[in-house]
Amino acid sequence: MATLNACLDAMAAGYAVHLPVDATGGLPERTEAAALRQVERAGGVVTCVRSLASRLAPDFAVPPGLNVFATLQAGLPT
């Protein structure tokens, strides 16, 4: 629930929120699904670590994208 509240508070403060679901956990599946739907309904984007990383550093041919690509290749969760 801390993640849900942090996302909702950030959006209320005017921030764009991208929540990588593969970086969260600990709640029962139904509870987590309900929280993710709330984030989406409030305008947040539910995504994964790989998609978020490629959004932040879209060109993997030059730094910092090159470093992001190397980290992703090293075995972050899919």
C-alpha atoms as a PDB file:
ATOM      1  CA  MET A   1       0.000   0.000   0.000  1.00  0.00           C
ATOM      2  CA  ALA A   2       2.976   2.316   0.498  1.00  0.00           C
ATOM      3  CA  THR A   3       3.636   2.209  -3.258  1.00  0.00           C
ATOM      4  CA  LEU A   4       0.026   3.060  -4.034  1.00  0.00           C
ATOM      5  CA  ASN A   5       0.028   5.998  -1.638  1.00  0.00           C
ATOM      6  CA  ALA A   6       3.384   7.275  -2.931  1.00  0.00           C
ATOM      7  CA  CYS A   7       2.094   7.145  -6.521  1.00  0.00           C
ATOM      8  CA  LEU A   8      -1.187   8.873  -5.713  1.00  0.00           C
ATOM      9  CA  ASP A   9       0.576  11.565  -3.646  1.00  0.00           C
ATOM     10  CA  ALA A  10       3.121  12.178  -6.421  1.00  0.00           C
ATOM     11  CA  MET A  11       0.374  12.560  -9.028  1.00  0.00           C
ATOM     12  CA  ALA A  12      -1.550  14.910  -6.721  1.00  0.00           C
ATOM     13  CA  ALA A  13       1.624  17.008  -6.497  1.00  0.00           C
ATOM     14  CA  GLY A  14       1.809  17.200 -10.303  1.00  0.00           C
ATOM     15  CA  TYR A  15       4.397  14.505 -11.043  1.00  0.00           C
ATOM     16  CA  ALA A  16       4.118  11.997 -13.868  1.00  0.00           C
ATOM     17  CA  VAL A  17       4.230   8.507 -12.389  1.00  0.00           C
ATOM     18  CA  HIS A  18       5.611   5.397 -14.082  1.00  0.00           C
ATOM     19  CA  LEU A  19       5.348   2.383 -11.778  1.00  0.00           C
ATOM     20  CA  PRO A  20       7.555  -0.601 -12.716  1.00  0.00           C
ATOM     21  CA  VAL A  21       5.523  -3.530 -11.425  1.00  0.00           C
ATOM     22  CA  ASP A  22       8.443  -5.948 -11.497  1.00  0.00           C
ATOM     23  CA  ALA A  23      10.153  -3.767  -8.881  1.00  0.00           C
ATOM     24  CA  THR A  24       7.303  -4.039  -6.367  1.00  0.00           C
ATOM     25  CA  GLY A  25       5.817  -6.904  -4.460  1.00  0.00           C
ATOM     26  CA  GLY A  26       4.758  -8.340  -1.179  1.00  0.00           C
ATOM     27  CA  LEU A  27       0.988  -8.049  -1.433  1.00  0.00           C
ATOM     28  CA  PRO A  28      -1.495 -10.762  -2.350  1.00  0.00           C
ATOM     29  CA  GLU A  29      -2.153 -10.816  -6.097  1.00  0.00           C
ATOM     30  CA  ARG A  30      -5.722  -9.463  -5.807  1.00  0.00           C
ATOM     31  CA  THR A  31      -4.613  -6.583  -3.603  1.00  0.00           C
ATOM     32  CA  GLU A  32      -1.730  -5.724  -5.908  1.00  0.00           C
ATOM     33  CA  ALA A  33      -4.000  -5.805  -8.982  1.00  0.00           C
ATOM     34  CA  ALA A  34      -6.476  -3.451  -7.303  1.00  0.00           C
ATOM     35  CA  ALA A  35      -3.680  -1.025  -6.391  1.00  0.00           C
ATOM     36  CA  LEU A  36      -2.304  -1.060  -9.949  1.00  0.00           C
ATOM     37  CA  ARG A  37      -5.763  -0.321 -11.344  1.00  0.00           C
ATOM     38  CA  GLN A  38      -6.043   2.637  -8.955  1.00  0.00           C
ATOM     39  CA  VAL A  39      -2.702   4.021 -10.151  1.00  0.00           C
ATOM     40  CA  GLU A  40      -3.814   3.650 -13.777  1.00  0.00           C
ATOM     41  CA  ARG A  41      -7.201   5.263 -13.167  1.00  0.00           C
ATOM     42  CA  ALA A  42      -5.465   8.201 -11.484  1.00  0.00           C
ATOM     43  CA  GLY A  43      -3.310   8.699 -14.596  1.00  0.00           C
ATOM     44  CA  GLY A  44      -0.185   6.734 -13.711  1.00  0.00           C
ATOM     45  CA  VAL A  45       1.560   4.409 -16.120  1.00  0.00           C
ATOM     46  CA  VAL A  46       2.052   0.807 -15.033  1.00  0.00           C
ATOM     47  CA  THR A  47       5.147  -0.538 -16.757  1.00  0.00           C
ATOM     48  CA  CYS A  48       8.224  -2.737 -16.212  1.00  0.00           C
ATOM     49  CA  VAL A  49      11.853  -1.938 -15.343  1.00  0.00           C
ATOM     50  CA  ARG A  50      13.072  -2.581 -18.910  1.00  0.00           C
ATOM     51  CA  SER A  51      10.487  -0.271 -20.470  1.00  0.00           C
ATOM     52  CA  LEU A  52      11.161   2.454 -17.928  1.00  0.00           C
ATOM     53  CA  ALA A  53      14.916   2.202 -18.462  1.00  0.00           C
ATOM     54  CA  SER A  54      14.556   2.447 -22.229  1.00  0.00           C
ATOM     55  CA  ARG A  55      12.261   5.447 -21.827  1.00  0.00           C
ATOM     56  CA  LEU A  56      14.841   7.238 -19.661  1.00  0.00           C
ATOM     57  CA  ALA A  57      17.802   6.363 -21.905  1.00  0.00           C
ATOM     58  CA  PRO A  58      16.352   5.545 -25.338  1.00  0.00           C
ATOM     59  CA  ASP A  59      19.603   5.480 -27.344  1.00  0.00           C
ATOM     60  CA  PHE A  60      21.509   2.341 -26.355  1.00  0.00           C
ATOM     61  CA  ALA A  61      24.415   3.236 -28.659  1.00  0.00           C
ATOM     62  CA  VAL A  62      25.764   6.059 -26.473  1.00  0.00           C
ATOM     63  CA  PRO A  63      26.019   6.735 -22.725  1.00  0.00           C
ATOM     64  CA  PRO A  64      23.929   6.670 -20.614  1.00  0.00           C
ATOM     65  CA  GLY A  65      21.873   4.322 -22.788  1.00  0.00           C
ATOM     66  CA  LEU A  66      24.903   2.096 -23.366  1.00  0.00           C
ATOM     67  CA  ASN A  67      25.241   1.617 -19.604  1.00  0.00           C
ATOM     68  CA  VAL A  68      21.510   0.955 -19.233  1.00  0.00           C
ATOM     69  CA  PHE A  69      21.667  -1.670 -21.990  1.00  0.00           C
ATOM     70  CA  ALA A  70      24.638  -3.399 -20.325  1.00  0.00           C
ATOM     71  CA  THR A  71      22.766  -3.507 -17.023  1.00  0.00           C
ATOM     72  CA  LEU A  72      19.659  -4.933 -18.677  1.00  0.00           C
ATOM     73  CA  GLN A  73      21.746  -7.568 -20.434  1.00  0.00           C
ATOM     74  CA  ALA A  74      23.314  -8.511 -17.089  1.00  0.00           C
ATOM     75  CA  GLY A  75      20.064 -10.022 -15.941  1.00  0.00           C
ATOM     76  CA  LEU A  76      17.425  -7.683 -14.600  1.00  0.00           C
ATOM     77  CA  PRO A  77      14.041  -9.394 -14.303  1.00  0.00           C
ATOM     78  CA  THR A  78      12.093  -9.670 -17.534  1.00  0.00           C
END
